[in-house]
Protein backbone atom coordinates (compact mmCIF):
# COMPACT_ATOMS: atom_id res chain seq x y z
CA MET A 1 48.27 -16.60 -61.45
CA THR A 2 50.93 -15.53 -58.92
CA PRO A 3 51.00 -17.25 -55.52
CA GLN A 4 50.24 -13.77 -54.21
CA ASN A 5 47.00 -13.35 -56.19
CA GLN A 6 46.05 -17.14 -55.14
CA THR A 7 46.46 -16.29 -51.45
CA LYS A 8 44.21 -13.10 -51.96
CA ARG A 9 41.69 -15.31 -53.72
CA ALA A 10 41.82 -17.95 -51.17
CA VAL A 11 41.17 -15.37 -48.49
CA PHE A 12 38.67 -13.23 -50.32
CA LEU A 13 36.46 -15.81 -52.10
CA PRO A 14 35.11 -17.32 -48.84
CA ILE A 15 34.44 -13.97 -47.24
CA PHE A 16 32.72 -12.67 -50.32
CA LEU A 17 30.54 -15.94 -50.52
CA LEU A 18 29.86 -15.71 -46.76
CA ALA A 19 28.69 -12.16 -46.86
CA PHE A 20 26.51 -12.78 -50.10
CA LEU A 21 24.91 -15.74 -48.41
CA LEU A 22 24.20 -13.99 -45.05
CA GLY A 23 22.86 -10.97 -46.86
CA GLY A 24 19.92 -12.90 -48.23
CA CYS A 25 18.92 -14.60 -45.00
CA THR A 26 16.25 -13.76 -42.62
CA VAL A 27 17.22 -14.37 -39.13
CA HIS A 28 14.05 -15.37 -37.23
CA TYR A 29 14.70 -15.20 -33.37
CA VAL A 30 11.09 -14.93 -32.02
CA ALA A 31 8.03 -17.14 -32.28
CA ASP A 32 5.51 -16.21 -34.81
CA TYR A 33 2.51 -14.19 -34.20
CA ASP A 34 -0.47 -16.07 -32.75
CA ALA A 35 -3.85 -14.32 -32.56
CA SER A 36 -5.35 -16.83 -30.40
CA ILE A 37 -2.74 -16.46 -27.70
CA LYS A 38 -3.17 -12.66 -27.92
CA ASN A 39 -6.90 -13.15 -27.48
CA GLU A 40 -6.48 -15.72 -24.73
CA THR A 41 -4.08 -13.35 -22.88
CA ILE A 42 -6.75 -10.65 -23.16
CA ARG A 43 -9.56 -13.15 -21.83
CA VAL A 44 -7.48 -13.89 -18.83
CA ALA A 45 -6.51 -10.49 -18.15
CA LYS A 46 -10.37 -9.58 -18.05
CA GLU A 47 -11.02 -12.50 -15.75
CA VAL A 48 -8.20 -11.22 -13.35
CA ASP A 49 -9.45 -7.79 -13.51
CA LEU A 50 -13.04 -8.84 -12.85
CA PHE A 51 -11.85 -10.90 -9.77
CA TRP A 52 -10.03 -7.76 -8.33
CA GLY A 53 -13.08 -5.71 -9.15
CA ASN A 54 -15.46 -8.12 -7.43
CA LEU A 55 -13.15 -8.29 -4.36
CA LEU A 56 -12.94 -4.52 -4.02
CA ASP A 57 -16.69 -4.27 -4.18
CA THR A 58 -16.93 -6.67 -1.21
CA PRO A 59 -16.92 -4.95 2.03
CA SER A 60 -13.39 -5.67 3.51
CA ASN A 61 -14.73 -7.62 6.70
CA GLU A 62 -16.30 -10.13 4.12
CA ARG A 63 -13.22 -10.89 2.15
CA GLN A 64 -12.45 -14.23 3.58
CA TYR A 65 -10.43 -16.64 1.43
CA ASP A 66 -13.04 -19.31 1.22
CA LYS A 67 -15.44 -16.82 -0.53
CA PHE A 68 -13.02 -16.27 -3.36
CA LYS A 69 -11.17 -19.87 -3.61
CA VAL A 70 -13.13 -21.04 -6.57
CA GLN A 71 -12.30 -17.77 -8.44
CA TYR A 72 -8.59 -18.32 -7.44
CA ASN A 73 -8.78 -21.94 -8.78
CA GLU A 74 -10.38 -21.05 -12.00
CA ILE A 75 -7.94 -18.12 -12.80
CA GLU A 76 -4.93 -20.19 -11.73
CA THR A 77 -6.00 -22.76 -14.27
CA ASP A 78 -6.46 -20.10 -16.95
CA ILE A 79 -3.02 -18.72 -16.32
CA ARG A 80 -1.51 -22.16 -16.44
CA GLY A 81 -3.12 -22.90 -19.63
CA LEU A 82 -1.83 -19.75 -21.16
CA LEU A 83 1.54 -20.54 -19.85
CA MET A 84 1.34 -24.03 -21.54
CA GLN A 85 0.35 -22.37 -24.77
CA ASN A 86 3.43 -20.12 -24.65
CA GLU A 87 5.71 -23.05 -23.62
CA ILE A 88 4.98 -25.19 -26.61
CA ARG A 89 5.81 -22.35 -29.10
CA PRO A 90 9.48 -22.44 -30.33
CA LEU A 91 11.38 -19.11 -29.96
CA ASN A 92 8.97 -17.94 -27.25
CA GLU A 93 10.91 -17.52 -24.20
CA GLU A 94 10.20 -13.86 -23.25
CA SER A 95 6.45 -14.55 -23.37
CA THR A 96 6.87 -17.69 -21.29
CA GLU A 97 8.76 -15.82 -18.72
CA GLN A 98 6.06 -13.17 -18.51
CA VAL A 99 3.36 -15.61 -17.93
CA GLN A 100 5.42 -17.56 -15.58
CA ILE A 101 5.78 -14.18 -13.66
CA ALA A 102 1.95 -13.81 -13.75
CA LEU A 103 1.37 -17.15 -12.32
CA LYS A 104 4.02 -16.79 -9.66
CA LEU A 105 2.28 -13.54 -8.43
CA TRP A 106 -1.19 -15.19 -8.69
CA ILE A 107 0.04 -18.04 -6.50
CA ASP A 108 1.59 -15.67 -4.03
CA ASP A 109 -1.45 -13.62 -3.81
CA ARG A 110 -3.51 -16.45 -3.16
CA THR A 111 -1.22 -17.82 -0.48
CA SER A 112 -1.15 -14.43 1.18
CA HIS A 113 -5.03 -14.19 1.07
CA LYS A 114 -5.30 -17.60 2.51
CA LYS A 115 -3.02 -17.06 5.29
CA LYS A 116 -4.34 -13.62 6.46
CA ASP A 117 -7.93 -14.47 5.34
CA SER A 118 -8.50 -11.01 4.22
CA ILE A 119 -7.09 -8.26 1.59
CA SER A 120 -7.13 -4.54 2.05
CA ASP A 121 -8.56 -2.14 -0.35
CA PHE A 122 -5.01 -0.68 -0.91
CA ILE A 123 -3.42 -4.14 -1.73
CA ALA A 124 -6.50 -5.32 -3.85
CA ALA A 125 -6.15 -1.99 -5.94
CA LEU A 126 -2.46 -2.27 -6.27
CA HIS A 127 -2.55 -5.86 -7.29
CA ARG A 128 -5.28 -5.03 -9.82
CA SER A 129 -3.21 -2.24 -11.33
CA GLN A 130 0.01 -4.64 -11.42
CA TYR A 131 -1.96 -7.36 -13.06
CA ASN A 132 -3.39 -4.92 -15.83
CA ARG A 133 0.23 -3.66 -16.49
CA LEU A 134 1.55 -7.33 -16.67
CA PHE A 135 -1.17 -8.49 -18.85
CA ILE A 136 -0.70 -5.39 -21.24
CA ALA A 137 2.82 -6.00 -21.58
CA ILE A 138 2.36 -9.76 -22.51
CA ALA A 139 -0.49 -8.87 -25.28
CA LYS A 140 1.88 -5.98 -26.60
CA GLY A 141 4.70 -8.56 -26.79
CA GLU A 142 2.48 -10.81 -28.91
CA GLU A 143 1.46 -7.93 -30.93
CA ALA A 144 5.01 -7.00 -31.68
CA LYS A 145 5.49 -10.40 -33.22
CA ASN A 146 2.75 -9.49 -35.63
CA MET A 147 4.30 -6.22 -36.41
CA SER A 148 7.70 -8.06 -36.79
CA ALA A 149 5.95 -10.52 -39.36
CA SER A 150 4.45 -7.49 -41.34
CA VAL A 151 7.85 -5.90 -41.61
CA ASP A 152 9.25 -9.20 -42.87
CA SER A 153 6.81 -9.65 -45.45
CA THR A 154 7.42 -6.32 -47.08
CA GLY A 155 10.91 -7.09 -47.43
CA GLY A 156 12.58 -6.17 -44.24
CA ASN A 157 14.62 -8.58 -42.40
CA LYS A 158 13.70 -9.81 -38.57
């Protein structure tokens, strides 16, 4: 074997082996699908939607914070629980960030209601719609993990 062939072999063999090994690997950058988290997301979303619906059904002059503080506490606790479930899962940063946004918005809305001691129909309807979109995005994100897993199990790569 000539020195020139040895050099070619020394360069191409590692590249070939690396390409061969990487071609057969599945790269996994997202958390596995968890139906219980998707279901919990939907349950919390329904609870938030019910809160805004009840608030909108209450005459605006009767929307003092004290009448809703127990619901605020319960829902905040549920959002924190959902956040914890997402935080403990490896490779789940995006879902965790989405739930952190929901929690921040909830705390901000609670603080504003407490400070103003009232909420207008416009703000309540707007927030109801915003939370609906946010929880849909969170649930769709979890469902996408399920679709990713089914593609992988049929021979595709993640």
